[in-house]
């Protein structure tokens, strides 16, 4: 007589099938066959010399993508949220003052993370679609005297590409680290980590890089490392402790690497291939392609009578476009119709922009004229067939 209480699930006796879908939301993006193939290579040990060589390739690719010479550059095993917590948990201790520039959901989340570890968190807030002047930032730095300032460069919830020039220098003037979220922007818009005085920069694998979600590139400046490696207390997370991670990634100059965790080897293969594709195209070409495709898309939307949420063209994120939710329509019906009829994903707002916008992501291989034409046709069809109120 069997001792099993739970029977084998019948659903797992059916072979897995996943349909292809046009992933034109704010992420994840479609993964090209070349990257999928790389992820299917045989798994080897996470501490094998060959894996360390792949990790070295990844580090050099991230340094190129970030435009930094920082030795402490690696990829966290996890999504962009893992890198966000890695930055906060290592650079901030209980009682430290943190300033979060909130121009969308990501500033809100960083404030939440910092509060959880006992930091004294202050915020400056701009309405969705807005940005901060350097004068506003300096005023807040002078008032709150934070050890760290957070800013989202590409705020995917609102579609804003926030200016970075001069902010790093202001932070250093007030003895503050500058932390930047580039998850939605890196590879699709210019970022110069060293030149712009960014102390901690991170992104995710699933946006412009077109790799599967699960790895998060991050880099730490010498200033950041000085604070982190001279902490009074240990970071609250063992898994995200930079002293361990920097050793595992060969960033600390030590001859021997010590086991910390089992790295996602297959995800490393995919990340390496995605960085290789970016290197082959060239950063500047990638930036220019995303800019031109976004402008083509924005022109097409305006010709349809749709309004862009970010009015200032210079502040529009080229990778994720926010469209004012068409008056009289239920945005959920529009996104559902497009998914069902065109097998194409776009999404609504997130956090402060919920109910206000539609969001369309055109990143990496999806940043093309043909993709734009596909989205414009789907939106036109949806506006023709979805219910519109008379009020």
Protein backbone atom coordinates (compact mmCIF):
# COMPACT_ATOMS: atom_id res chain seq x y z
CA UNK A 1 0.00 0.00 0.00
CA UNK A 2 1.42 3.38 -1.02
CA UNK A 3 2.44 5.84 1.69
CA UNK A 4 1.92 8.78 -0.67
CA UNK A 5 -0.90 11.14 0.25
CA UNK A 6 -0.64 13.44 -2.77
CA UNK A 7 -1.06 11.67 -6.14
CA UNK A 8 1.04 12.54 -9.21
CA UNK A 9 -0.51 15.60 -10.90
CA UNK A 10 -2.04 14.66 -14.21
CA UNK A 11 -1.17 18.02 -15.72
CA UNK A 12 2.54 17.15 -15.50
CA UNK A 13 1.99 14.11 -17.70
CA UNK A 14 1.40 16.48 -20.62
CA UNK A 15 4.40 17.83 -22.53
CA UNK A 16 5.19 21.48 -21.98
CA UNK A 17 4.33 23.84 -24.83
CA UNK A 18 4.87 27.60 -24.88
CA UNK A 19 3.47 29.72 -27.69
CA UNK A 20 5.45 32.49 -29.30
CA UNK A 21 4.17 35.92 -28.33
CA UNK A 22 5.20 39.44 -29.38
CA UNK A 23 6.56 40.83 -26.10
CA UNK A 24 6.08 44.56 -26.54
CA UNK A 25 5.36 45.41 -22.92
CA UNK A 26 7.88 47.02 -20.54
CA UNK A 27 9.69 43.68 -20.12
CA UNK A 28 10.62 40.94 -20.45
CA UNK A 29 11.43 41.23 -24.13
CA UNK A 30 11.52 38.49 -26.75
CA UNK A 31 14.66 36.36 -26.54
CA UNK A 32 16.34 35.86 -29.95
CA UNK A 33 17.17 32.29 -31.09
CA UNK A 34 20.90 32.92 -30.71
CA UNK A 35 20.51 33.71 -27.00
CA UNK A 36 18.05 30.84 -26.46
CA UNK A 37 20.58 28.49 -28.05
CA UNK A 38 23.35 29.73 -25.76
CA UNK A 39 21.16 29.05 -22.73
CA UNK A 40 20.68 25.45 -23.86
CA UNK A 41 24.39 24.54 -23.82
CA UNK A 42 25.44 21.75 -21.40
CA UNK A 43 25.58 22.75 -17.75
CA UNK A 44 29.05 22.68 -16.17
CA UNK A 45 30.07 23.34 -12.59
CA UNK A 46 29.63 26.86 -11.28
CA UNK A 47 33.18 26.72 -9.85
CA UNK A 48 34.81 25.22 -12.94
CA UNK A 49 37.58 27.25 -14.62
CA UNK A 50 35.51 27.40 -17.81
CA UNK A 51 32.65 29.03 -15.89
CA UNK A 52 35.06 31.56 -14.42
CA UNK A 53 36.17 32.42 -17.96
CA UNK A 54 32.53 33.00 -18.97
CA UNK A 55 32.07 35.18 -15.89
CA UNK A 56 35.17 37.18 -16.87
CA UNK A 57 33.63 37.71 -20.33
CA UNK A 58 30.41 38.92 -18.67
CA UNK A 59 32.32 41.33 -16.45
CA UNK A 60 34.10 42.90 -19.42
CA UNK A 61 30.81 43.15 -21.32
CA UNK A 62 29.14 44.91 -18.40
CA UNK A 63 32.06 47.32 -18.09
CA UNK A 64 31.63 48.18 -21.78
CA UNK A 65 27.85 48.52 -21.47
CA UNK A 66 28.18 50.72 -18.36
CA UNK A 67 31.25 52.56 -19.69
CA UNK A 68 33.19 51.94 -16.48
CA UNK A 69 36.59 50.61 -15.45
CA UNK A 70 35.35 49.58 -12.00
CA UNK A 71 36.97 46.26 -10.95
CA UNK A 72 33.95 45.41 -8.78
CA UNK A 73 31.57 44.71 -11.64
CA UNK A 74 29.44 41.54 -11.72
CA UNK A 75 25.99 40.09 -12.27
CA UNK A 76 23.75 39.28 -9.31
CA UNK A 77 21.92 35.94 -9.52
CA UNK A 78 18.40 37.33 -9.65
CA UNK A 79 16.29 39.97 -11.36
CA UNK A 80 16.74 43.74 -11.22
CA UNK A 81 15.13 43.81 -7.78
CA UNK A 82 18.02 41.66 -6.52
CA UNK A 83 20.53 44.21 -7.79
CA UNK A 84 18.48 47.00 -6.23
CA UNK A 85 18.60 45.24 -2.85
CA UNK A 86 22.29 44.40 -3.34
CA UNK A 87 23.02 48.10 -3.73
CA UNK A 88 20.93 49.20 -0.75
CA UNK A 89 21.87 46.36 1.60
CA UNK A 90 25.60 46.85 1.04
CA UNK A 91 25.86 50.64 0.86
CA UNK A 92 23.42 51.50 3.66
CA UNK A 93 23.43 50.68 7.36
CA UNK A 94 20.74 51.15 9.99
CA UNK A 95 20.54 54.81 10.94
CA UNK A 96 22.04 56.07 7.68
CA UNK A 97 20.24 58.85 5.84
CA UNK A 98 18.99 57.89 2.37
CA UNK A 99 17.43 60.20 -0.21
CA UNK A 100 15.16 58.66 -2.84
CA UNK A 101 14.21 60.72 -5.88
CA UNK A 102 10.71 59.44 -6.62
CA UNK A 103 9.64 60.01 -10.20
CA UNK A 104 7.77 56.70 -10.44
CA UNK A 105 7.52 53.29 -8.81
CA UNK A 106 11.24 52.51 -8.53
CA UNK A 107 11.99 55.38 -6.18
CA UNK A 108 9.08 54.19 -4.04
CA UNK A 109 10.52 50.67 -3.90
CA UNK A 110 14.03 51.79 -2.98
CA UNK A 111 12.57 53.89 -0.16
CA UNK A 112 10.70 50.81 1.08
CA UNK A 113 13.85 48.65 0.95
CA UNK A 114 15.94 51.20 2.82
CA UNK A 115 13.28 51.65 5.49
CA UNK A 116 13.20 47.88 6.07
CA UNK A 117 16.84 47.88 7.14
CA UNK A 118 16.44 50.84 9.47
CA UNK A 119 17.66 53.71 7.32
CA UNK A 120 16.30 57.23 7.77
CA UNK A 121 14.61 57.74 4.41
CA UNK A 122 13.64 61.05 2.88
CA UNK A 123 12.11 61.55 -0.55
CA UNK A 124 11.72 64.21 -3.15
CA UNK A 125 8.73 63.55 -5.36
CA UNK A 126 7.69 64.73 -8.78
CA UNK A 127 4.32 63.97 -10.42
CA UNK A 128 4.32 61.07 -12.93
CA UNK A 129 6.00 62.22 -16.13
CA UNK A 130 8.12 64.85 -14.39
CA UNK A 131 11.80 65.17 -13.51
CA UNK A 132 14.06 66.92 -11.01
CA UNK A 133 16.33 69.86 -11.75
CA UNK A 134 19.87 69.71 -10.44
CA UNK A 135 19.03 72.68 -8.22
CA UNK A 136 16.18 70.72 -6.59
CA UNK A 137 18.48 67.77 -6.04
CA UNK A 138 21.23 69.93 -4.53
CA UNK A 139 18.74 71.57 -2.19
CA UNK A 140 17.61 68.12 -0.95
CA UNK A 141 21.20 66.91 -0.58
CA UNK A 142 22.08 69.97 1.48
CA UNK A 143 18.99 69.56 3.68
CA UNK A 144 19.04 65.80 4.34
CA UNK A 145 22.78 65.04 4.08
CA UNK A 146 22.23 61.46 2.85
CA UNK A 147 24.91 58.81 2.45
CA UNK A 148 23.16 57.72 -0.76
CA UNK A 149 20.90 59.27 -3.40
CA UNK A 150 18.77 56.99 -5.60
CA UNK A 151 17.49 57.97 -9.04
CA UNK A 152 15.86 55.91 -11.80
CA UNK A 153 17.42 56.85 -15.14
CA UNK A 154 14.80 55.05 -17.20
CA UNK A 155 11.57 55.20 -15.18
CA UNK A 156 9.56 52.50 -16.93
CA UNK A 157 6.34 53.24 -15.02
CA UNK A 158 6.12 56.76 -16.44
CA UNK A 159 8.26 56.63 -19.59
CA UNK A 160 10.73 59.29 -18.41
CA UNK A 161 14.42 59.30 -19.30
CA UNK A 162 15.86 61.36 -16.46
CA UNK A 163 18.91 63.57 -17.13
CA UNK A 164 22.03 62.41 -15.26
CA UNK A 165 24.69 65.01 -16.05
CA UNK A 166 25.97 66.90 -13.03
CA UNK A 167 24.13 64.89 -10.39
CA UNK A 168 27.06 62.63 -9.55
CA UNK A 169 29.28 65.64 -9.01
CA UNK A 170 26.66 67.18 -6.71
CA UNK A 171 26.47 63.96 -4.71
CA UNK A 172 30.24 63.89 -4.25
CA UNK A 173 30.21 67.54 -3.17
CA UNK A 174 27.95 66.46 -0.29
CA UNK A 175 29.85 63.22 0.43
CA UNK A 176 26.98 61.12 -0.91
CA UNK A 177 26.96 58.01 -3.11
CA UNK A 178 24.97 58.20 -6.36
CA UNK A 179 22.89 55.07 -7.07
CA UNK A 180 21.23 54.79 -10.50
CA UNK A 181 18.64 52.29 -11.77
CA UNK A 182 19.21 51.74 -15.51
CA UNK A 183 17.06 48.61 -15.90
CA UNK A 184 14.87 50.11 -18.61
CA UNK A 185 17.47 52.35 -20.23
CA UNK A 186 20.89 50.67 -20.46
CA UNK A 187 21.83 49.80 -24.02
CA UNK A 188 18.99 51.92 -25.36
CA UNK A 189 20.10 55.35 -24.14
CA UNK A 190 23.50 56.84 -23.30
CA UNK A 191 24.95 56.17 -19.83
CA UNK A 192 28.56 56.91 -18.91
CA UNK A 193 29.07 55.55 -15.40
CA UNK A 194 32.56 56.85 -14.71
CA UNK A 195 32.18 60.13 -16.57
CA UNK A 196 28.83 60.93 -14.92
CA UNK A 197 30.08 60.15 -11.42
CA UNK A 198 27.71 57.24 -10.81
CA UNK A 199 28.82 55.19 -7.80
CA UNK A 200 26.47 52.21 -8.13
CA UNK A 201 24.73 51.30 -11.36
CA UNK A 202 22.57 48.27 -12.05
CA UNK A 203 20.26 46.83 -14.68
CA UNK A 204 18.42 43.63 -15.59
CA UNK A 205 18.99 41.06 -18.29
CA UNK A 206 15.48 41.00 -19.76
CA UNK A 207 15.10 44.43 -21.37
CA UNK A 208 17.43 45.77 -24.10
CA UNK A 209 19.79 42.82 -23.59
CA UNK A 210 16.98 40.41 -24.59
CA UNK A 211 18.23 37.67 -22.25
CA UNK A 212 15.84 35.70 -20.02
CA UNK A 213 15.07 37.31 -16.66
CA UNK A 214 17.33 36.14 -13.84
CA UNK A 215 20.66 37.96 -13.94
CA UNK A 216 21.28 41.57 -12.96
CA UNK A 217 24.49 43.41 -13.92
CA UNK A 218 25.80 45.81 -11.28
CA UNK A 219 28.95 47.87 -10.74
CA UNK A 220 30.46 49.70 -7.75
CA UNK A 221 32.84 52.65 -7.85
CA UNK A 222 35.95 52.90 -5.68
CA UNK A 223 34.09 55.43 -3.49
CA UNK A 224 31.22 52.99 -3.02
CA UNK A 225 33.59 50.13 -2.22
CA UNK A 226 35.38 52.20 0.42
CA UNK A 227 32.12 52.70 2.29
CA UNK A 228 30.89 49.15 1.77
CA UNK A 229 34.08 47.38 2.82
CA UNK A 230 34.46 49.59 5.91
CA UNK A 231 30.98 49.02 7.32
CA UNK A 232 30.39 48.90 11.07
CA UNK A 233 27.98 45.98 10.62
CA UNK A 234 27.50 43.08 8.23
CA UNK A 235 24.98 43.54 5.40
CA UNK A 236 21.57 42.17 6.36
CA UNK A 237 21.65 39.69 3.45
CA UNK A 238 24.25 36.93 3.22
CA UNK A 239 23.21 36.13 -0.35
CA UNK A 240 23.78 39.74 -1.48
CA UNK A 241 26.88 40.46 0.64
CA UNK A 242 29.31 42.19 -1.72
CA UNK A 243 32.40 40.85 0.07
CA UNK A 244 31.27 37.34 -0.89
CA UNK A 245 29.99 38.25 -4.34
CA UNK A 246 33.14 40.16 -5.31
CA UNK A 247 35.22 37.10 -4.41
CA UNK A 248 32.94 34.72 -6.33
CA UNK A 249 33.21 36.96 -9.39
CA UNK A 250 36.99 37.39 -9.09
CA UNK A 251 36.72 41.12 -8.35
CA UNK A 252 38.62 41.26 -5.06
CA UNK A 253 42.13 40.42 -6.31
CA UNK A 254 42.38 37.24 -4.26
CA UNK A 255 43.95 34.15 -5.85
CA UNK A 256 41.27 31.76 -4.56
CA UNK A 257 37.51 31.94 -4.97
CA UNK A 258 35.39 30.60 -2.11
CA UNK A 259 32.01 28.93 -2.63
CA UNK A 260 29.20 31.36 -1.92
CA UNK A 261 26.18 30.14 -3.90
CA UNK A 262 25.48 28.08 -7.00
CA UNK A 263 25.45 30.55 -9.84
CA UNK A 264 22.80 30.14 -12.59
CA UNK A 265 25.22 28.70 -15.16
CA UNK A 266 22.75 28.53 -18.05
CA UNK A 267 21.66 32.10 -17.37
CA UNK A 268 25.32 33.14 -17.48
CA UNK A 269 25.61 31.60 -20.96
CA UNK A 270 22.60 33.62 -22.14
CA UNK A 271 23.83 36.84 -20.52
CA UNK A 272 27.26 36.45 -22.11
CA UNK A 273 25.67 35.97 -25.55
CA UNK A 274 23.42 38.99 -25.11
CA UNK A 275 26.43 41.15 -24.21
CA UNK A 276 28.29 39.76 -27.23
CA UNK A 277 25.42 40.88 -29.47
CA UNK A 278 25.58 44.37 -27.95
CA UNK A 279 29.34 44.50 -28.50
CA UNK A 280 28.91 43.42 -32.14
CA UNK A 281 26.36 46.16 -32.84
CA UNK A 282 28.20 48.77 -30.78
CA UNK A 283 26.75 50.86 -27.97
CA UNK A 284 26.46 54.05 -29.98
CA UNK A 285 24.69 52.28 -32.84
CA UNK A 286 22.29 50.68 -30.35
CA UNK A 287 21.52 54.04 -28.75
CA UNK A 288 20.89 55.61 -32.15
CA UNK A 289 18.68 52.74 -33.35
CA UNK A 290 16.49 52.93 -30.24
CA UNK A 291 16.21 56.71 -30.63
CA UNK A 292 15.17 56.56 -34.28
CA UNK A 293 12.68 53.75 -33.76
CA UNK A 294 11.12 55.57 -30.78
CA UNK A 295 10.74 58.77 -32.80
CA UNK A 296 9.11 56.82 -35.65
CA UNK A 297 6.71 55.25 -33.13
CA UNK A 298 5.87 58.55 -31.48
CA UNK A 299 5.11 60.15 -34.85
CA UNK A 300 2.83 57.25 -35.73
CA UNK A 301 0.95 57.53 -32.43
CA UNK A 302 0.38 61.25 -32.89
CA UNK A 303 -0.93 60.67 -36.42
CA UNK A 304 -3.48 58.29 -34.89
CA UNK A 305 -4.62 61.06 -32.56
CA UNK A 306 -3.06 59.50 -29.48
CA UNK A 307 -1.23 61.65 -26.94
CA UNK A 308 2.17 60.87 -25.50
CA UNK A 309 2.31 61.02 -21.69
CA UNK A 310 5.76 62.65 -21.54
CA UNK A 311 5.35 65.97 -23.31
CA UNK A 312 9.02 66.98 -23.47
CA UNK A 313 10.64 64.99 -26.29
CA UNK A 314 14.06 65.17 -24.61
CA UNK A 315 12.66 63.37 -21.54
CA UNK A 316 11.02 60.46 -23.40
CA UNK A 317 12.47 57.05 -22.64
CA UNK A 318 13.28 55.49 -26.05
CA UNK A 319 12.76 51.93 -24.80
CA UNK A 320 9.38 52.24 -23.04
CA UNK A 321 6.77 54.63 -24.42
CA UNK A 322 3.87 55.83 -22.29
CA UNK A 323 0.66 56.76 -24.09
CA UNK A 324 -2.12 58.68 -22.37
CA UNK A 325 -4.95 56.18 -21.88
CA UNK A 326 -7.42 56.99 -24.69
CA UNK A 327 -10.42 58.90 -23.36
CA UNK A 328 -13.62 56.88 -23.16
CA UNK A 329 -11.89 53.49 -23.36
CA UNK A 330 -11.13 50.93 -20.69
CA UNK A 331 -7.36 50.43 -20.96
CA UNK A 332 -7.71 46.85 -19.72
CA UNK A 333 -10.05 46.05 -22.61
CA UNK A 334 -7.52 47.50 -25.07
CA UNK A 335 -4.60 45.43 -23.76
CA UNK A 336 -6.75 42.29 -23.54
CA UNK A 337 -8.08 42.74 -27.06
CA UNK A 338 -4.59 43.22 -28.49
CA UNK A 339 -3.30 40.15 -26.66
CA UNK A 340 -6.21 37.96 -27.80
CA UNK A 341 -6.46 39.25 -31.38
CA UNK A 342 -2.83 40.01 -32.23
CA UNK A 343 -0.92 37.77 -29.79
CA UNK A 344 0.90 40.91 -28.73
CA UNK A 345 1.60 42.22 -25.24
CA UNK A 346 1.40 45.86 -24.24
CA UNK A 347 0.53 46.91 -20.70
CA UNK A 348 -1.14 49.55 -18.59
CA UNK A 349 0.46 51.82 -16.03
CA UNK A 350 2.33 50.76 -12.90
CA UNK A 351 2.44 52.37 -9.48
CA UNK A 352 1.79 56.12 -9.79
CA UNK A 353 0.82 55.78 -13.47
CA UNK A 354 -1.82 53.06 -12.94
CA UNK A 355 -4.94 53.84 -14.96
CA UNK A 356 -3.26 56.79 -16.66
CA UNK A 357 -1.26 55.25 -19.48
CA UNK A 358 -0.62 52.41 -21.87
CA UNK A 359 3.02 51.26 -21.94
CA UNK A 360 4.79 49.87 -25.00
CA UNK A 361 8.31 48.47 -24.79
CA UNK A 362 10.47 48.25 -27.93
CA UNK A 363 13.83 47.03 -26.68
CA UNK A 364 16.82 45.26 -28.18
CA UNK A 365 15.77 43.08 -31.10
CA UNK A 366 12.21 44.43 -30.75
CA UNK A 367 13.37 47.97 -31.46
CA UNK A 368 12.62 47.98 -35.18
CA UNK A 369 10.38 49.70 -37.70
CA UNK A 370 8.51 46.45 -38.35
CA UNK A 371 7.73 46.09 -34.64
CA UNK A 372 6.41 49.65 -34.53
CA UNK A 373 4.17 49.03 -37.53
CA UNK A 374 2.82 45.91 -35.81
CA UNK A 375 1.98 47.83 -32.62
CA UNK A 376 0.39 50.73 -34.48
CA UNK A 377 -1.82 48.34 -36.46
CA UNK A 378 -2.86 46.51 -33.29
CA UNK A 379 -3.71 49.77 -31.50
CA UNK A 380 -5.71 51.04 -34.47
CA UNK A 381 -7.66 47.78 -34.57
CA UNK A 382 -8.31 47.91 -30.83
CA UNK A 383 -9.59 51.49 -30.95
CA UNK A 384 -11.95 50.47 -33.75
CA UNK A 385 -13.38 47.40 -32.03
CA UNK A 386 -13.19 48.11 -28.29
CA UNK A 387 -16.13 49.72 -26.53
CA UNK A 388 -15.99 53.50 -26.22
CA UNK A 389 -18.29 55.32 -23.85
CA UNK A 390 -20.14 58.45 -24.91
CA UNK A 391 -19.03 60.32 -21.83
